[in-house]
Amino acid sequence: EAQLAESGGGLVQAGGSLRLSCAASGFTFDDAAVAWFRQAPGKEREAILCINGSDLKTITADSVKGRFTLSSDGAKDTVYLQMNSLKPEDTAVYYCAADRTRYLLGLSTCTVVGGMIRYSGMDYWGKGAQVTVSS
């Protein structure tokens, strides 16, 4: 069974940094386009970083541009979300997700419109990790 598991969430002061990890099991990130999402209380889920499956470029939402980056460790089949210069408004549950179907077909999996990421759909989701930024 394909699964994603996030780790590394916690409480951090404004201006601090945190790194989330996302480990895959039952499939490999080599065969999928990964994305990071977040959902703050009372708000809709927001895609913040994604790798577009058709050209493997990383797309970043304006809300986190210049502060958050995505990286990976192929040997560990793990992706990371490095979050710097954190703000209280970054408080949310953070999810990693993977689109395997469109990636294997060579299709675009995400794009940016008006500074916001649009995506077609994800095959797998993690359960989420809470990140709380105190002021």
C-alpha atoms as a PDB file:
ATOM      1  CA  GLU A   1       0.000   0.000   0.000  1.00  0.00           C
ATOM      2  CA  ALA A   2       1.355   3.401  -0.989  1.00  0.00           C
ATOM      3  CA  GLN A   3       1.766   5.795   1.924  1.00  0.00           C
ATOM      4  CA  LEU A   4       3.310   9.137   2.796  1.00  0.00           C
ATOM      5  CA  ALA A   5       4.378  10.114   6.287  1.00  0.00           C
ATOM      6  CA  GLU A   6       5.333  13.613   7.380  1.00  0.00           C
ATOM      7  CA  SER A   7       7.521  14.357  10.385  1.00  0.00           C
ATOM      8  CA  GLY A   8       9.341  17.286  11.919  1.00  0.00           C
ATOM      9  CA  GLY A   9       6.481  19.569  12.820  1.00  0.00           C
ATOM     10  CA  GLY A  10       6.395  21.549  16.037  1.00  0.00           C
ATOM     11  CA  LEU A  11       6.410  24.936  17.698  1.00  0.00           C
ATOM     12  CA  VAL A  12       8.841  27.624  16.582  1.00  0.00           C
ATOM     13  CA  GLN A  13       9.200  31.330  17.209  1.00  0.00           C
ATOM     14  CA  ALA A  14       8.634  33.852  14.467  1.00  0.00           C
ATOM     15  CA  GLY A  15      11.767  34.286  12.397  1.00  0.00           C
ATOM     16  CA  GLY A  16      12.902  30.751  13.091  1.00  0.00           C
ATOM     17  CA  SER A  17      13.307  27.734  10.845  1.00  0.00           C
ATOM     18  CA  LEU A  18      11.889  24.249  10.665  1.00  0.00           C
ATOM     19  CA  ARG A  19      12.344  21.321   8.308  1.00  0.00           C
ATOM     20  CA  LEU A  20       9.608  18.841   7.536  1.00  0.00           C
ATOM     21  CA  SER A  21      10.305  15.408   6.106  1.00  0.00           C
ATOM     22  CA  CYS A  22       8.046  13.254   3.984  1.00  0.00           C
ATOM     23  CA  ALA A  23       8.879   9.593   3.573  1.00  0.00           C
ATOM     24  CA  ALA A  24       7.317   7.405   0.889  1.00  0.00           C
ATOM     25  CA  SER A  25       6.493   3.743   1.213  1.00  0.00           C
ATOM     26  CA  GLY A  26       4.860   1.418  -1.268  1.00  0.00           C
ATOM     27  CA  PHE A  27       6.088   3.576  -4.156  1.00  0.00           C
ATOM     28  CA  THR A  28       9.079   5.756  -4.973  1.00  0.00           C
ATOM     29  CA  PHE A  29       9.304   9.490  -5.503  1.00  0.00           C
ATOM     30  CA  ASP A  30      11.225   8.686  -8.695  1.00  0.00           C
ATOM     31  CA  ASP A  31       7.847   7.764 -10.171  1.00  0.00           C
ATOM     32  CA  ALA A  32       5.797  10.675  -8.885  1.00  0.00           C
ATOM     33  CA  ALA A  33       5.610  14.460  -8.743  1.00  0.00           C
ATOM     34  CA  VAL A  34       5.618  15.655  -5.165  1.00  0.00           C
ATOM     35  CA  ALA A  35       3.917  18.679  -3.662  1.00  0.00           C
ATOM     36  CA  TRP A  36       3.574  20.342  -0.274  1.00  0.00           C
ATOM     37  CA  PHE A  37       0.301  21.791   0.972  1.00  0.00           C
ATOM     38  CA  ARG A  38      -0.884  23.486   4.107  1.00  0.00           C
ATOM     39  CA  GLN A  39      -4.198  24.200   5.721  1.00  0.00           C
ATOM     40  CA  ALA A  40      -4.657  26.810   8.398  1.00  0.00           C
ATOM     41  CA  PRO A  41      -7.673  26.742  10.738  1.00  0.00           C
ATOM     42  CA  GLY A  42     -10.753  28.033   8.973  1.00  0.00           C
ATOM     43  CA  LYS A  43      -8.984  28.315   5.630  1.00  0.00           C
ATOM     44  CA  GLU A  44      -8.871  26.265   2.458  1.00  0.00           C
ATOM     45  CA  ARG A  45      -5.996  23.963   1.723  1.00  0.00           C
ATOM     46  CA  GLU A  46      -3.205  25.775  -0.110  1.00  0.00           C
ATOM     47  CA  ALA A  47      -0.555  24.269  -2.371  1.00  0.00           C
ATOM     48  CA  ILE A  48       2.754  25.947  -1.548  1.00  0.00           C
ATOM     49  CA  LEU A  49       5.423  24.019  -3.470  1.00  0.00           C
ATOM     50  CA  CYS A  50       5.269  21.427  -6.185  1.00  0.00           C
ATOM     51  CA  ILE A  51       7.375  19.737  -8.783  1.00  0.00           C
ATOM     52  CA  ASN A  52       5.733  19.888 -12.174  1.00  0.00           C
ATOM     53  CA  GLY A  53       5.745  16.384 -13.593  1.00  0.00           C
ATOM     54  CA  SER A  54       6.165  17.397 -17.237  1.00  0.00           C
ATOM     55  CA  ASP A  55       9.399  19.392 -16.836  1.00  0.00           C
ATOM     56  CA  LEU A  56      10.488  18.654 -13.245  1.00  0.00           C
ATOM     57  CA  LYS A  57      10.616  22.347 -12.403  1.00  0.00           C
ATOM     58  CA  THR A  58       9.815  23.404  -8.860  1.00  0.00           C
ATOM     59  CA  ILE A  59       6.922  25.833  -8.582  1.00  0.00           C
ATOM     60  CA  THR A  60       6.570  27.999  -5.488  1.00  0.00           C
ATOM     61  CA  ALA A  61       3.532  29.931  -4.340  1.00  0.00           C
ATOM     62  CA  ASP A  62       4.031  33.642  -3.707  1.00  0.00           C
ATOM     63  CA  SER A  63       3.019  33.190  -0.074  1.00  0.00           C
ATOM     64  CA  VAL A  64       6.237  31.276   0.679  1.00  0.00           C
ATOM     65  CA  LYS A  65       8.570  32.335  -2.120  1.00  0.00           C
ATOM     66  CA  GLY A  66      12.059  33.158  -0.909  1.00  0.00           C
ATOM     67  CA  ARG A  67      11.437  31.440   2.443  1.00  0.00           C
ATOM     68  CA  PHE A  68      10.460  27.813   1.752  1.00  0.00           C
ATOM     69  CA  THR A  69      12.329  25.326  -0.404  1.00  0.00           C
ATOM     70  CA  LEU A  70      11.810  21.737  -1.460  1.00  0.00           C
ATOM     71  CA  SER A  71      14.582  19.169  -1.612  1.00  0.00           C
ATOM     72  CA  SER A  72      14.904  15.417  -1.740  1.00  0.00           C
ATOM     73  CA  ASP A  73      17.104  12.496  -0.784  1.00  0.00           C
ATOM     74  CA  GLY A  74      16.631   9.786  -3.373  1.00  0.00           C
ATOM     75  CA  ALA A  75      18.548   7.216  -1.372  1.00  0.00           C
ATOM     76  CA  LYS A  76      16.072   7.601   1.487  1.00  0.00           C
ATOM     77  CA  ASP A  77      13.043   8.196  -0.764  1.00  0.00           C
ATOM     78  CA  THR A  78      12.334  11.253   1.316  1.00  0.00           C
ATOM     79  CA  VAL A  79      11.493  14.830   0.410  1.00  0.00           C
ATOM     80  CA  TYR A  80      11.960  17.829   2.651  1.00  0.00           C
ATOM     81  CA  LEU A  81      10.301  21.176   3.152  1.00  0.00           C
ATOM     82  CA  GLN A  82      12.788  23.692   4.541  1.00  0.00           C
ATOM     83  CA  MET A  83      10.948  26.617   6.087  1.00  0.00           C
ATOM     84  CA  ASN A  84      12.900  29.759   6.985  1.00  0.00           C
ATOM     85  CA  SER A  85      11.876  33.166   8.279  1.00  0.00           C
ATOM     86  CA  LEU A  86       8.669  31.692   9.635  1.00  0.00           C
ATOM     87  CA  LYS A  87       5.729  33.961  10.387  1.00  0.00           C
ATOM     88  CA  PRO A  88       2.709  33.428  12.644  1.00  0.00           C
ATOM     89  CA  GLU A  89       0.558  33.243   9.501  1.00  0.00           C
ATOM     90  CA  ASP A  90       2.518  30.133   8.471  1.00  0.00           C
ATOM     91  CA  THR A  91       0.801  28.256  11.298  1.00  0.00           C
ATOM     92  CA  ALA A  92      -1.017  25.336   9.692  1.00  0.00           C
ATOM     93  CA  VAL A  93      -1.110  21.607   9.196  1.00  0.00           C
ATOM     94  CA  TYR A  94       1.375  20.759   6.455  1.00  0.00           C
ATOM     95  CA  TYR A  95       0.815  17.869   4.072  1.00  0.00           C
ATOM     96  CA  CYS A  96       2.953  16.232   1.446  1.00  0.00           C
ATOM     97  CA  ALA A  97       1.296  14.641  -1.546  1.00  0.00           C
ATOM     98  CA  ALA A  98       2.288  12.864  -4.734  1.00  0.00           C
ATOM     99  CA  ASP A  99       0.784  12.672  -8.218  1.00  0.00           C
ATOM    100  CA  ARG A 100       1.943   9.427  -9.725  1.00  0.00           C
ATOM    101  CA  THR A 101      -0.682   9.033 -12.425  1.00  0.00           C
ATOM    102  CA  ARG A 102      -0.005  12.238 -14.344  1.00  0.00           C
ATOM    103  CA  TYR A 103       3.743  12.063 -13.781  1.00  0.00           C
ATOM    104  CA  LEU A 104       4.013   8.643 -15.417  1.00  0.00           C
ATOM    105  CA  LEU A 105       1.997   9.969 -18.365  1.00  0.00           C
ATOM    106  CA  GLY A 106       4.357  12.929 -18.724  1.00  0.00           C
ATOM    107  CA  LEU A 107       1.586  15.408 -18.011  1.00  0.00           C
ATOM    108  CA  SER A 108       1.787  18.710 -16.212  1.00  0.00           C
ATOM    109  CA  THR A 109       0.895  18.219 -12.566  1.00  0.00           C
ATOM    110  CA  CYS A 110       0.879  21.807 -11.310  1.00  0.00           C
ATOM    111  CA  THR A 111       1.184  25.376 -12.480  1.00  0.00           C
ATOM    112  CA  VAL A 112       1.110  28.848 -10.995  1.00  0.00           C
ATOM    113  CA  VAL A 113      -1.634  31.347 -11.724  1.00  0.00           C
ATOM    114  CA  GLY A 114      -1.656  34.743 -10.100  1.00  0.00           C
ATOM    115  CA  GLY A 115       0.957  33.608  -7.598  1.00  0.00           C
ATOM    116  CA  MET A 116      -1.125  30.631  -6.515  1.00  0.00           C
ATOM    117  CA  ILE A 117      -0.464  27.010  -7.406  1.00  0.00           C
ATOM    118  CA  ARG A 118      -3.111  25.101  -9.320  1.00  0.00           C
ATOM    119  CA  TYR A 119      -2.925  21.342  -9.486  1.00  0.00           C
ATOM    120  CA  SER A 120      -4.897  18.609 -11.202  1.00  0.00           C
ATOM    121  CA  GLY A 121      -5.047  16.035  -8.470  1.00  0.00           C
ATOM    122  CA  MET A 122      -2.918  13.940  -6.136  1.00  0.00           C
ATOM    123  CA  ASP A 123      -2.851  10.178  -5.789  1.00  0.00           C
ATOM    124  CA  TYR A 124      -1.374   9.994  -2.318  1.00  0.00           C
ATOM    125  CA  TRP A 125      -1.545  12.196   0.774  1.00  0.00           C
ATOM    126  CA  GLY A 126       0.214  12.175   4.090  1.00  0.00           C
ATOM    127  CA  LYS A 127      -1.687  12.644   7.339  1.00  0.00           C
ATOM    128  CA  GLY A 128      -0.127  16.017   8.001  1.00  0.00           C
ATOM    129  CA  ALA A 129       2.220  17.665  10.468  1.00  0.00           C
ATOM    130  CA  GLN A 130       1.295  20.606  12.689  1.00  0.00           C
ATOM    131  CA  VAL A 131       3.495  23.669  12.485  1.00  0.00           C
ATOM    132  CA  THR A 132       2.837  26.456  14.965  1.00  0.00           C
ATOM    133  CA  VAL A 133       4.687  29.759  14.760  1.00  0.00           C
ATOM    134  CA  SER A 134       4.496  31.959  17.833  1.00  0.00           C
ATOM    135  CA  SER A 135       4.858  35.722  17.689  1.00  0.00           C
END
